N, C-alpha and C. Protein backbone atom coordinates (compact mmCIF):
# COMPACT_ATOMS: atom_id res chain seq x y z
N UNK A 1 19.32 2.81 -24.24
CA UNK A 1 18.55 2.01 -23.32
C UNK A 1 17.05 2.16 -23.58
N UNK A 2 16.60 3.41 -23.81
CA UNK A 2 15.19 3.61 -24.09
C UNK A 2 14.76 2.81 -25.31
N UNK A 3 15.56 2.83 -26.36
CA UNK A 3 15.22 2.11 -27.58
C UNK A 3 15.11 0.62 -27.35
N UNK A 4 16.05 0.05 -26.59
CA UNK A 4 15.99 -1.39 -26.36
C UNK A 4 14.81 -1.76 -25.47
N UNK A 5 14.46 -0.89 -24.54
CA UNK A 5 13.30 -1.14 -23.70
C UNK A 5 12.04 -1.13 -24.54
N UNK A 6 11.97 -0.18 -25.47
CA UNK A 6 10.80 -0.10 -26.35
C UNK A 6 10.70 -1.35 -27.23
N UNK A 7 11.81 -1.78 -27.79
CA UNK A 7 11.81 -2.96 -28.66
C UNK A 7 11.36 -4.17 -27.86
N UNK A 8 11.88 -4.30 -26.63
CA UNK A 8 11.51 -5.45 -25.81
C UNK A 8 10.02 -5.39 -25.48
N UNK A 9 9.52 -4.23 -25.05
CA UNK A 9 8.13 -4.14 -24.64
C UNK A 9 7.17 -4.23 -25.82
N UNK A 10 7.60 -3.84 -27.02
CA UNK A 10 6.70 -3.92 -28.16
C UNK A 10 6.44 -5.36 -28.58
N UNK A 11 7.26 -6.29 -28.15
CA UNK A 11 7.07 -7.70 -28.48
C UNK A 11 6.20 -8.43 -27.46
N UNK A 12 5.94 -7.80 -26.31
CA UNK A 12 5.12 -8.43 -25.30
C UNK A 12 3.65 -8.27 -25.64
N UNK A 13 2.89 -9.31 -25.34
CA UNK A 13 1.45 -9.25 -25.59
C UNK A 13 0.79 -8.47 -24.46
N UNK A 14 -0.16 -7.61 -24.80
CA UNK A 14 -0.89 -6.85 -23.80
C UNK A 14 -1.81 -7.79 -23.02
N UNK A 15 -1.99 -7.51 -21.75
CA UNK A 15 -2.88 -8.37 -20.95
C UNK A 15 -4.34 -8.17 -21.36
N UNK A 16 -5.14 -9.19 -21.14
CA UNK A 16 -6.57 -9.10 -21.43
C UNK A 16 -7.32 -8.41 -20.29
N UNK A 17 -6.72 -8.39 -19.11
CA UNK A 17 -7.37 -7.86 -17.92
C UNK A 17 -6.30 -7.43 -16.93
N UNK A 18 -6.52 -6.31 -16.25
CA UNK A 18 -5.62 -5.86 -15.18
C UNK A 18 -6.37 -5.96 -13.86
N UNK A 19 -5.82 -6.72 -12.92
CA UNK A 19 -6.44 -6.91 -11.61
C UNK A 19 -5.62 -6.13 -10.58
N UNK A 20 -6.29 -5.26 -9.85
CA UNK A 20 -5.64 -4.43 -8.84
C UNK A 20 -6.15 -4.76 -7.45
N UNK A 21 -5.24 -4.87 -6.52
CA UNK A 21 -5.62 -4.89 -5.12
C UNK A 21 -5.89 -3.43 -4.75
N UNK A 22 -6.77 -3.19 -3.79
CA UNK A 22 -7.08 -1.81 -3.46
C UNK A 22 -6.16 -1.26 -2.37
N UNK A 23 -6.21 -1.86 -1.19
CA UNK A 23 -5.44 -1.35 -0.05
C UNK A 23 -3.96 -1.67 -0.22
N UNK A 24 -3.16 -0.64 -0.27
CA UNK A 24 -1.73 -0.81 -0.39
C UNK A 24 -1.22 -0.72 -1.82
N UNK A 25 -2.07 -0.88 -2.80
CA UNK A 25 -1.64 -0.76 -4.20
C UNK A 25 -2.24 0.49 -4.84
N UNK A 26 -3.57 0.56 -4.88
CA UNK A 26 -4.21 1.75 -5.42
C UNK A 26 -4.13 2.89 -4.39
N UNK A 27 -4.46 2.55 -3.15
CA UNK A 27 -4.47 3.54 -2.08
C UNK A 27 -3.46 3.17 -1.00
N UNK A 28 -2.84 4.18 -0.43
CA UNK A 28 -1.86 3.97 0.64
C UNK A 28 -2.57 3.90 1.99
N UNK A 29 -3.58 3.06 2.07
CA UNK A 29 -4.38 2.93 3.28
C UNK A 29 -3.66 2.17 4.38
N UNK A 30 -2.75 1.29 4.01
CA UNK A 30 -2.01 0.55 5.05
C UNK A 30 -1.20 1.51 5.92
N UNK A 31 -0.52 2.45 5.30
CA UNK A 31 0.27 3.43 6.07
C UNK A 31 -0.65 4.27 6.95
N UNK A 32 -1.78 4.71 6.39
CA UNK A 32 -2.74 5.51 7.15
C UNK A 32 -3.28 4.72 8.34
N UNK A 33 -3.64 3.46 8.10
CA UNK A 33 -4.17 2.63 9.19
C UNK A 33 -3.09 2.38 10.24
N UNK A 34 -1.86 2.14 9.79
CA UNK A 34 -0.77 1.86 10.73
C UNK A 34 -0.51 3.07 11.64
N UNK A 35 -0.45 4.26 11.08
CA UNK A 35 -0.18 5.44 11.91
C UNK A 35 -1.36 5.74 12.83
N UNK A 36 -2.58 5.52 12.35
CA UNK A 36 -3.76 5.72 13.18
C UNK A 36 -3.78 4.70 14.32
N UNK A 37 -3.48 3.45 13.99
CA UNK A 37 -3.49 2.40 15.01
C UNK A 37 -2.43 2.64 16.06
N UNK A 38 -1.29 3.19 15.66
CA UNK A 38 -0.23 3.50 16.60
C UNK A 38 -0.74 4.45 17.69
N UNK A 39 -1.45 5.51 17.28
CA UNK A 39 -2.00 6.46 18.24
C UNK A 39 -3.08 5.86 19.13
N UNK A 40 -3.96 5.06 18.55
CA UNK A 40 -5.04 4.44 19.32
C UNK A 40 -4.45 3.44 20.32
N UNK A 41 -3.48 2.66 19.89
CA UNK A 41 -2.87 1.69 20.82
C UNK A 41 -2.22 2.40 22.01
N UNK A 42 -1.60 3.55 21.77
CA UNK A 42 -0.99 4.31 22.88
C UNK A 42 -2.05 4.73 23.88
N UNK A 43 -3.25 5.09 23.39
CA UNK A 43 -4.35 5.45 24.29
C UNK A 43 -4.72 4.28 25.21
N UNK A 44 -4.54 3.07 24.72
CA UNK A 44 -4.88 1.87 25.48
C UNK A 44 -3.67 1.31 26.25
N UNK A 45 -2.53 1.99 26.15
CA UNK A 45 -1.34 1.56 26.88
C UNK A 45 -0.48 0.54 26.17
N UNK A 46 -0.64 0.40 24.87
CA UNK A 46 0.15 -0.55 24.08
C UNK A 46 1.08 0.21 23.14
N UNK A 47 2.19 -0.42 22.81
CA UNK A 47 3.14 0.16 21.85
C UNK A 47 3.21 -0.75 20.64
N UNK A 48 2.98 -0.15 19.48
CA UNK A 48 3.03 -0.91 18.23
C UNK A 48 4.39 -0.75 17.58
N UNK A 49 4.98 -1.85 17.19
CA UNK A 49 6.22 -1.82 16.42
C UNK A 49 5.86 -1.95 14.94
N UNK A 50 6.56 -1.22 14.09
CA UNK A 50 6.27 -1.26 12.66
C UNK A 50 6.33 -2.68 12.11
N UNK A 51 7.34 -3.44 12.50
CA UNK A 51 7.47 -4.82 12.01
C UNK A 51 6.30 -5.69 12.45
N UNK A 52 5.78 -5.43 13.65
CA UNK A 52 4.62 -6.20 14.12
C UNK A 52 3.40 -5.89 13.26
N UNK A 53 3.20 -4.61 12.94
CA UNK A 53 2.08 -4.24 12.08
C UNK A 53 2.23 -4.87 10.70
N UNK A 54 3.41 -4.77 10.14
CA UNK A 54 3.66 -5.34 8.81
C UNK A 54 3.35 -6.83 8.79
N UNK A 55 3.63 -7.51 9.89
CA UNK A 55 3.37 -8.95 9.99
C UNK A 55 1.87 -9.27 9.90
N UNK A 56 1.02 -8.30 10.22
CA UNK A 56 -0.43 -8.55 10.18
C UNK A 56 -1.06 -8.21 8.84
N UNK A 57 -0.33 -7.55 7.96
CA UNK A 57 -0.90 -7.16 6.67
C UNK A 57 -1.31 -8.40 5.87
N UNK A 58 -2.53 -8.35 5.34
CA UNK A 58 -3.04 -9.46 4.54
C UNK A 58 -3.71 -10.54 5.36
N UNK A 59 -3.80 -10.34 6.67
CA UNK A 59 -4.47 -11.33 7.52
C UNK A 59 -5.81 -10.78 7.96
N UNK A 60 -6.67 -11.66 8.43
CA UNK A 60 -7.96 -11.24 8.96
C UNK A 60 -8.51 -12.36 9.84
N UNK A 61 -9.61 -12.08 10.49
CA UNK A 61 -10.30 -13.10 11.27
C UNK A 61 -9.44 -13.69 12.38
N UNK A 62 -9.58 -14.97 12.56
CA UNK A 62 -8.89 -15.67 13.64
C UNK A 62 -7.37 -15.60 13.50
N UNK A 63 -6.89 -15.65 12.27
CA UNK A 63 -5.45 -15.57 12.04
C UNK A 63 -4.90 -14.24 12.58
N UNK A 64 -5.60 -13.14 12.30
CA UNK A 64 -5.19 -11.83 12.79
C UNK A 64 -5.26 -11.78 14.32
N UNK A 65 -6.36 -12.27 14.88
CA UNK A 65 -6.50 -12.27 16.35
C UNK A 65 -5.39 -13.06 17.02
N UNK A 66 -5.04 -14.19 16.45
CA UNK A 66 -3.96 -15.01 17.02
C UNK A 66 -2.64 -14.24 17.04
N UNK A 67 -2.35 -13.54 15.96
CA UNK A 67 -1.11 -12.76 15.88
C UNK A 67 -1.13 -11.64 16.92
N UNK A 68 -2.24 -10.90 16.98
CA UNK A 68 -2.34 -9.77 17.91
C UNK A 68 -2.24 -10.23 19.36
N UNK A 69 -2.89 -11.34 19.70
CA UNK A 69 -2.83 -11.84 21.07
C UNK A 69 -1.44 -12.38 21.41
N UNK A 70 -0.78 -12.95 20.44
CA UNK A 70 0.59 -13.41 20.66
C UNK A 70 1.52 -12.21 20.91
N UNK A 71 1.30 -11.12 20.18
CA UNK A 71 2.14 -9.93 20.31
C UNK A 71 1.86 -9.12 21.58
N UNK A 72 0.57 -8.98 21.91
CA UNK A 72 0.20 -8.03 22.97
C UNK A 72 -0.48 -8.67 24.18
N UNK A 73 -0.69 -9.96 24.16
CA UNK A 73 -1.30 -10.65 25.29
C UNK A 73 -2.76 -10.99 25.04
N UNK A 74 -3.24 -11.95 25.82
CA UNK A 74 -4.61 -12.45 25.63
C UNK A 74 -5.69 -11.42 25.94
N UNK A 75 -5.38 -10.43 26.77
CA UNK A 75 -6.40 -9.44 27.11
C UNK A 75 -6.35 -8.19 26.21
N UNK A 76 -5.56 -8.25 25.15
CA UNK A 76 -5.50 -7.14 24.19
C UNK A 76 -6.88 -6.96 23.56
N UNK A 77 -7.46 -5.74 23.64
CA UNK A 77 -8.82 -5.51 23.10
C UNK A 77 -8.79 -5.29 21.58
N UNK A 78 -8.52 -6.32 20.86
CA UNK A 78 -8.30 -6.23 19.41
C UNK A 78 -9.48 -5.63 18.68
N UNK A 79 -10.66 -6.11 18.94
CA UNK A 79 -11.83 -5.62 18.21
C UNK A 79 -12.12 -4.16 18.53
N UNK A 80 -12.00 -3.79 19.78
CA UNK A 80 -12.25 -2.41 20.20
C UNK A 80 -11.25 -1.44 19.55
N UNK A 81 -9.99 -1.80 19.58
CA UNK A 81 -8.96 -0.95 18.97
C UNK A 81 -9.14 -0.90 17.45
N UNK A 82 -9.41 -2.02 16.85
CA UNK A 82 -9.61 -2.08 15.40
C UNK A 82 -10.80 -1.22 14.98
N UNK A 83 -11.89 -1.32 15.71
CA UNK A 83 -13.09 -0.55 15.38
C UNK A 83 -12.82 0.95 15.50
N UNK A 84 -12.11 1.35 16.54
CA UNK A 84 -11.79 2.77 16.71
C UNK A 84 -10.90 3.26 15.57
N UNK A 85 -9.93 2.43 15.18
CA UNK A 85 -9.04 2.78 14.06
C UNK A 85 -9.83 2.91 12.76
N UNK A 86 -10.71 1.95 12.50
CA UNK A 86 -11.51 2.00 11.26
C UNK A 86 -12.36 3.27 11.21
N UNK A 87 -12.94 3.63 12.36
CA UNK A 87 -13.75 4.85 12.43
C UNK A 87 -12.91 6.09 12.12
N UNK A 88 -11.74 6.20 12.75
CA UNK A 88 -10.87 7.36 12.52
C UNK A 88 -10.35 7.42 11.09
N UNK A 89 -9.97 6.27 10.53
CA UNK A 89 -9.48 6.22 9.15
C UNK A 89 -10.60 6.60 8.18
N UNK A 90 -11.79 6.08 8.41
CA UNK A 90 -12.93 6.39 7.54
C UNK A 90 -13.24 7.88 7.58
N UNK A 91 -13.22 8.47 8.78
CA UNK A 91 -13.47 9.91 8.90
C UNK A 91 -12.43 10.71 8.11
N UNK A 92 -11.17 10.33 8.23
CA UNK A 92 -10.10 11.04 7.53
C UNK A 92 -10.25 10.90 6.01
N UNK A 93 -10.56 9.69 5.55
CA UNK A 93 -10.70 9.47 4.11
C UNK A 93 -11.91 10.21 3.57
N UNK A 94 -13.00 10.23 4.32
CA UNK A 94 -14.18 10.97 3.86
C UNK A 94 -13.92 12.47 3.83
N UNK A 95 -13.07 12.94 4.72
CA UNK A 95 -12.74 14.37 4.77
C UNK A 95 -11.72 14.74 3.68
N UNK A 96 -10.66 13.93 3.55
CA UNK A 96 -9.53 14.28 2.68
C UNK A 96 -9.43 13.46 1.40
N UNK A 97 -10.23 12.40 1.27
CA UNK A 97 -10.11 11.48 0.15
C UNK A 97 -9.07 10.41 0.46
N UNK A 98 -9.16 9.28 -0.22
CA UNK A 98 -8.16 8.22 0.02
C UNK A 98 -6.80 8.63 -0.54
N UNK A 99 -5.73 8.25 0.14
CA UNK A 99 -4.39 8.60 -0.35
C UNK A 99 -4.00 7.71 -1.54
N UNK A 100 -4.18 8.23 -2.73
CA UNK A 100 -3.87 7.47 -3.95
C UNK A 100 -2.36 7.37 -4.13
N UNK A 101 -1.89 6.17 -4.43
CA UNK A 101 -0.46 5.95 -4.63
C UNK A 101 0.01 6.69 -5.89
N UNK A 102 1.25 7.17 -5.86
CA UNK A 102 1.80 7.86 -7.04
C UNK A 102 1.81 6.93 -8.26
N UNK A 103 1.42 7.48 -9.40
CA UNK A 103 1.46 6.73 -10.66
C UNK A 103 0.20 5.97 -10.98
N UNK A 104 -0.70 5.77 -10.01
CA UNK A 104 -1.91 5.00 -10.25
C UNK A 104 -2.81 5.66 -11.29
N UNK A 105 -3.11 6.96 -11.19
CA UNK A 105 -3.96 7.56 -12.23
C UNK A 105 -3.37 7.41 -13.64
N UNK A 106 -2.06 7.58 -13.76
CA UNK A 106 -1.41 7.45 -15.06
C UNK A 106 -1.46 6.01 -15.57
N UNK A 107 -1.25 5.07 -14.68
CA UNK A 107 -1.30 3.65 -15.06
C UNK A 107 -2.71 3.28 -15.52
N UNK A 108 -3.71 3.72 -14.78
CA UNK A 108 -5.09 3.43 -15.18
C UNK A 108 -5.44 4.09 -16.51
N UNK A 109 -4.92 5.30 -16.73
CA UNK A 109 -5.15 5.97 -18.02
C UNK A 109 -4.52 5.16 -19.15
N UNK A 110 -3.33 4.60 -18.91
CA UNK A 110 -2.67 3.79 -19.93
C UNK A 110 -3.52 2.56 -20.27
N UNK A 111 -4.01 1.87 -19.23
CA UNK A 111 -4.87 0.70 -19.47
C UNK A 111 -6.13 1.11 -20.24
N UNK A 112 -6.70 2.25 -19.88
CA UNK A 112 -7.90 2.74 -20.57
C UNK A 112 -7.60 3.02 -22.04
N UNK A 113 -6.48 3.67 -22.30
CA UNK A 113 -6.08 3.96 -23.69
C UNK A 113 -5.89 2.70 -24.51
N UNK A 114 -5.46 1.62 -23.85
CA UNK A 114 -5.22 0.34 -24.54
C UNK A 114 -6.47 -0.54 -24.54
N UNK A 115 -7.58 -0.03 -23.99
CA UNK A 115 -8.85 -0.77 -23.92
C UNK A 115 -8.72 -2.07 -23.13
N UNK A 116 -7.94 -2.01 -22.07
CA UNK A 116 -7.76 -3.16 -21.19
C UNK A 116 -8.62 -2.93 -19.96
N UNK A 117 -9.62 -3.80 -19.73
CA UNK A 117 -10.48 -3.60 -18.56
C UNK A 117 -9.69 -3.78 -17.26
N UNK A 118 -10.05 -2.98 -16.27
CA UNK A 118 -9.41 -3.04 -14.96
C UNK A 118 -10.40 -3.53 -13.92
N UNK A 119 -9.90 -4.31 -13.01
CA UNK A 119 -10.70 -4.95 -11.98
C UNK A 119 -10.10 -4.65 -10.61
N UNK A 120 -10.94 -4.43 -9.62
CA UNK A 120 -10.47 -4.30 -8.24
C UNK A 120 -10.77 -5.62 -7.54
N UNK A 121 -9.76 -6.20 -6.96
CA UNK A 121 -9.92 -7.41 -6.15
C UNK A 121 -9.54 -7.02 -4.73
N UNK A 122 -10.49 -7.11 -3.82
CA UNK A 122 -10.22 -6.63 -2.48
C UNK A 122 -10.93 -7.46 -1.44
N UNK A 123 -10.29 -7.62 -0.30
CA UNK A 123 -10.95 -8.26 0.84
C UNK A 123 -11.67 -7.21 1.67
N UNK A 124 -11.58 -5.96 1.27
CA UNK A 124 -12.30 -4.87 1.92
C UNK A 124 -13.78 -4.96 1.56
N UNK A 125 -14.64 -4.53 2.45
CA UNK A 125 -16.08 -4.61 2.22
C UNK A 125 -16.48 -3.82 0.98
N UNK A 126 -17.48 -4.33 0.31
CA UNK A 126 -17.98 -3.78 -0.95
C UNK A 126 -18.26 -2.28 -0.88
N UNK A 127 -19.01 -1.84 0.15
CA UNK A 127 -19.39 -0.43 0.22
C UNK A 127 -18.18 0.48 0.41
N UNK A 128 -17.16 -0.01 1.08
CA UNK A 128 -15.94 0.79 1.27
C UNK A 128 -15.15 0.86 -0.04
N UNK A 129 -15.07 -0.25 -0.76
CA UNK A 129 -14.39 -0.26 -2.05
C UNK A 129 -15.02 0.78 -2.98
N UNK A 130 -16.33 0.75 -3.09
CA UNK A 130 -17.01 1.67 -4.00
C UNK A 130 -16.86 3.12 -3.53
N UNK A 131 -16.92 3.34 -2.22
CA UNK A 131 -16.77 4.70 -1.71
C UNK A 131 -15.38 5.26 -1.96
N UNK A 132 -14.35 4.47 -1.69
CA UNK A 132 -12.97 4.93 -1.91
C UNK A 132 -12.72 5.25 -3.38
N UNK A 133 -13.17 4.36 -4.25
CA UNK A 133 -12.97 4.61 -5.68
C UNK A 133 -13.70 5.88 -6.12
N UNK A 134 -14.91 6.09 -5.60
CA UNK A 134 -15.67 7.28 -5.94
C UNK A 134 -14.98 8.54 -5.40
N UNK A 135 -14.54 8.50 -4.14
CA UNK A 135 -13.89 9.67 -3.54
C UNK A 135 -12.59 10.04 -4.27
N UNK A 136 -11.92 9.05 -4.83
CA UNK A 136 -10.67 9.30 -5.56
C UNK A 136 -10.91 9.60 -7.05
N UNK A 137 -12.16 9.62 -7.45
CA UNK A 137 -12.52 9.82 -8.86
C UNK A 137 -11.92 8.76 -9.77
N UNK A 138 -11.86 7.55 -9.27
CA UNK A 138 -11.34 6.43 -10.07
C UNK A 138 -12.43 5.42 -10.42
N UNK A 139 -13.63 5.63 -9.91
CA UNK A 139 -14.69 4.64 -10.10
C UNK A 139 -15.03 4.40 -11.56
N UNK A 140 -14.87 5.40 -12.41
CA UNK A 140 -15.19 5.22 -13.83
C UNK A 140 -14.10 4.46 -14.59
N UNK A 141 -12.99 4.13 -13.94
CA UNK A 141 -11.89 3.43 -14.62
C UNK A 141 -11.90 1.92 -14.37
N UNK A 142 -12.79 1.46 -13.50
CA UNK A 142 -12.86 0.03 -13.20
C UNK A 142 -14.17 -0.54 -13.72
N UNK A 143 -14.03 -1.60 -14.52
CA UNK A 143 -15.20 -2.23 -15.12
C UNK A 143 -15.75 -3.36 -14.28
N UNK A 144 -14.90 -3.96 -13.47
CA UNK A 144 -15.31 -5.11 -12.68
C UNK A 144 -14.79 -4.90 -11.27
N UNK A 145 -15.57 -5.31 -10.30
CA UNK A 145 -15.08 -5.25 -8.93
C UNK A 145 -15.39 -6.57 -8.25
N UNK A 146 -14.43 -7.13 -7.61
CA UNK A 146 -14.60 -8.35 -6.85
C UNK A 146 -14.24 -8.04 -5.42
N UNK A 147 -15.01 -8.49 -4.52
CA UNK A 147 -14.65 -8.29 -3.12
C UNK A 147 -14.83 -9.60 -2.39
N UNK A 148 -14.09 -9.74 -1.33
CA UNK A 148 -14.14 -10.96 -0.52
C UNK A 148 -15.22 -10.79 0.53
N UNK A 149 -16.24 -11.59 0.45
CA UNK A 149 -17.31 -11.53 1.44
C UNK A 149 -16.88 -12.26 2.70
N UNK A 150 -17.31 -11.75 3.84
CA UNK A 150 -16.94 -12.42 5.09
C UNK A 150 -17.59 -13.80 5.10
N UNK A 151 -16.89 -14.75 5.67
CA UNK A 151 -17.40 -16.10 5.76
C UNK A 151 -17.08 -16.97 4.56
N UNK A 152 -16.40 -16.44 3.55
CA UNK A 152 -16.05 -17.27 2.40
C UNK A 152 -14.80 -18.07 2.73
N UNK A 153 -14.53 -19.04 1.91
CA UNK A 153 -13.39 -19.91 2.15
C UNK A 153 -12.11 -19.43 1.47
N UNK A 154 -12.16 -18.25 0.84
CA UNK A 154 -10.97 -17.78 0.15
C UNK A 154 -9.85 -17.50 1.13
N UNK A 155 -8.64 -17.81 0.72
CA UNK A 155 -7.48 -17.45 1.53
C UNK A 155 -7.34 -15.94 1.47
N UNK A 156 -6.77 -15.37 2.52
CA UNK A 156 -6.48 -13.95 2.46
C UNK A 156 -5.27 -13.76 1.56
N UNK A 157 -5.16 -12.54 1.05
CA UNK A 157 -3.99 -12.24 0.24
C UNK A 157 -2.76 -12.34 1.13
N UNK A 158 -1.60 -12.65 0.66
CA UNK A 158 -1.26 -12.77 -0.75
C UNK A 158 -1.41 -14.19 -1.30
N UNK A 159 -2.27 -14.98 -0.70
CA UNK A 159 -2.45 -16.34 -1.17
C UNK A 159 -2.76 -16.41 -2.65
N UNK A 160 -2.11 -17.29 -3.35
CA UNK A 160 -2.26 -17.43 -4.80
C UNK A 160 -3.71 -17.72 -5.17
N UNK A 161 -4.41 -18.53 -4.37
CA UNK A 161 -5.77 -18.93 -4.71
C UNK A 161 -6.69 -17.72 -4.86
N UNK A 162 -6.52 -16.72 -4.02
CA UNK A 162 -7.37 -15.53 -4.08
C UNK A 162 -7.28 -14.88 -5.46
N UNK A 163 -6.06 -14.67 -5.94
CA UNK A 163 -5.87 -14.01 -7.24
C UNK A 163 -6.30 -14.91 -8.39
N UNK A 164 -6.02 -16.19 -8.27
CA UNK A 164 -6.44 -17.13 -9.30
C UNK A 164 -7.96 -17.14 -9.42
N UNK A 165 -8.63 -17.12 -8.28
CA UNK A 165 -10.09 -17.12 -8.28
C UNK A 165 -10.64 -15.85 -8.93
N UNK A 166 -10.07 -14.70 -8.59
CA UNK A 166 -10.51 -13.43 -9.18
C UNK A 166 -10.32 -13.45 -10.68
N UNK A 167 -9.17 -13.90 -11.13
CA UNK A 167 -8.88 -13.95 -12.56
C UNK A 167 -9.87 -14.87 -13.27
N UNK A 168 -10.12 -16.03 -12.71
CA UNK A 168 -11.05 -16.98 -13.32
C UNK A 168 -12.45 -16.39 -13.39
N UNK A 169 -12.91 -15.77 -12.29
CA UNK A 169 -14.24 -15.18 -12.26
C UNK A 169 -14.35 -14.03 -13.26
N UNK A 170 -13.31 -13.24 -13.37
CA UNK A 170 -13.34 -12.11 -14.29
C UNK A 170 -13.41 -12.59 -15.73
N UNK A 171 -12.64 -13.62 -16.06
CA UNK A 171 -12.64 -14.11 -17.44
C UNK A 171 -13.90 -14.90 -17.76
N UNK A 172 -14.48 -15.59 -16.76
CA UNK A 172 -15.71 -16.34 -16.97
C UNK A 172 -16.95 -15.47 -16.90
N UNK A 173 -16.80 -14.28 -16.33
CA UNK A 173 -17.92 -13.36 -16.13
C UNK A 173 -19.05 -14.04 -15.36
N UNK A 174 -18.68 -14.65 -14.25
CA UNK A 174 -19.65 -15.37 -13.41
C UNK A 174 -19.91 -14.61 -12.11
N UNK A 175 -20.24 -15.33 -11.11
CA UNK A 175 -20.57 -14.85 -9.78
C UNK A 175 -19.62 -13.77 -9.27
N UNK A 176 -20.12 -12.87 -8.49
CA UNK A 176 -19.37 -11.81 -7.81
C UNK A 176 -18.85 -10.73 -8.76
N UNK A 177 -19.37 -10.64 -9.95
CA UNK A 177 -18.93 -9.59 -10.86
C UNK A 177 -19.96 -8.46 -10.85
N UNK A 178 -19.47 -7.26 -10.84
CA UNK A 178 -20.34 -6.09 -10.89
C UNK A 178 -19.86 -5.22 -12.03
N UNK A 179 -20.72 -4.99 -12.99
CA UNK A 179 -20.33 -4.27 -14.19
C UNK A 179 -20.62 -2.80 -14.08
N UNK A 180 -19.82 -2.01 -14.76
CA UNK A 180 -19.99 -0.57 -14.79
C UNK A 180 -21.30 -0.23 -15.50
N UNK A 181 -22.05 0.68 -14.91
CA UNK A 181 -23.24 1.21 -15.54
C UNK A 181 -23.02 2.70 -15.73
N UNK A 182 -23.89 3.39 -16.44
CA UNK A 182 -23.65 4.82 -16.65
C UNK A 182 -23.56 5.64 -15.35
N UNK A 183 -24.25 5.22 -14.30
CA UNK A 183 -24.28 6.03 -13.07
C UNK A 183 -23.28 5.58 -12.01
N UNK A 184 -22.88 4.36 -12.04
CA UNK A 184 -22.04 3.84 -10.96
C UNK A 184 -21.13 2.75 -11.48
N UNK A 185 -20.10 2.43 -10.70
CA UNK A 185 -19.20 1.36 -11.11
C UNK A 185 -19.83 0.00 -10.90
N UNK A 186 -20.94 -0.07 -10.16
CA UNK A 186 -21.57 -1.37 -9.90
C UNK A 186 -22.97 -1.37 -10.38
């Protein structure tokens, strides 16, 4: 089996670029946020179901608010709870580092060995992306970083347009690209 896998993979063309989502792929931040939010919601008298949380992954803005209000009622303090969760998660990550998913360092090393540039595509704010990568000692492995600025017309993930746009921007080397410099990833 190993031999046939090698023969099959040796015929595949290597990618020109590897695009990574940050939250949930590089870092297990979704699980951390979910468990943190569970505790905060209990403080406010709400009970979070895992399936309800999973339904909100990849959403933001009005779409997220609509889901939360449908689940917990119109008077659910979404922004207040979200802000408290973000603060607690940020404190934990700054103290302990971001929870890197198993296999990510090895995968990034493989891409580096093959001279394949890696890109982070994230709807997370720019300063958080750079901080998490730095805290995990992964910032030197990413050559390009794209982030979704608030107020843009991009669909939230997993919408195809988001990834298509990142790929096009990365290959065109246009707007929203930040190149690695000797001191920083941006």
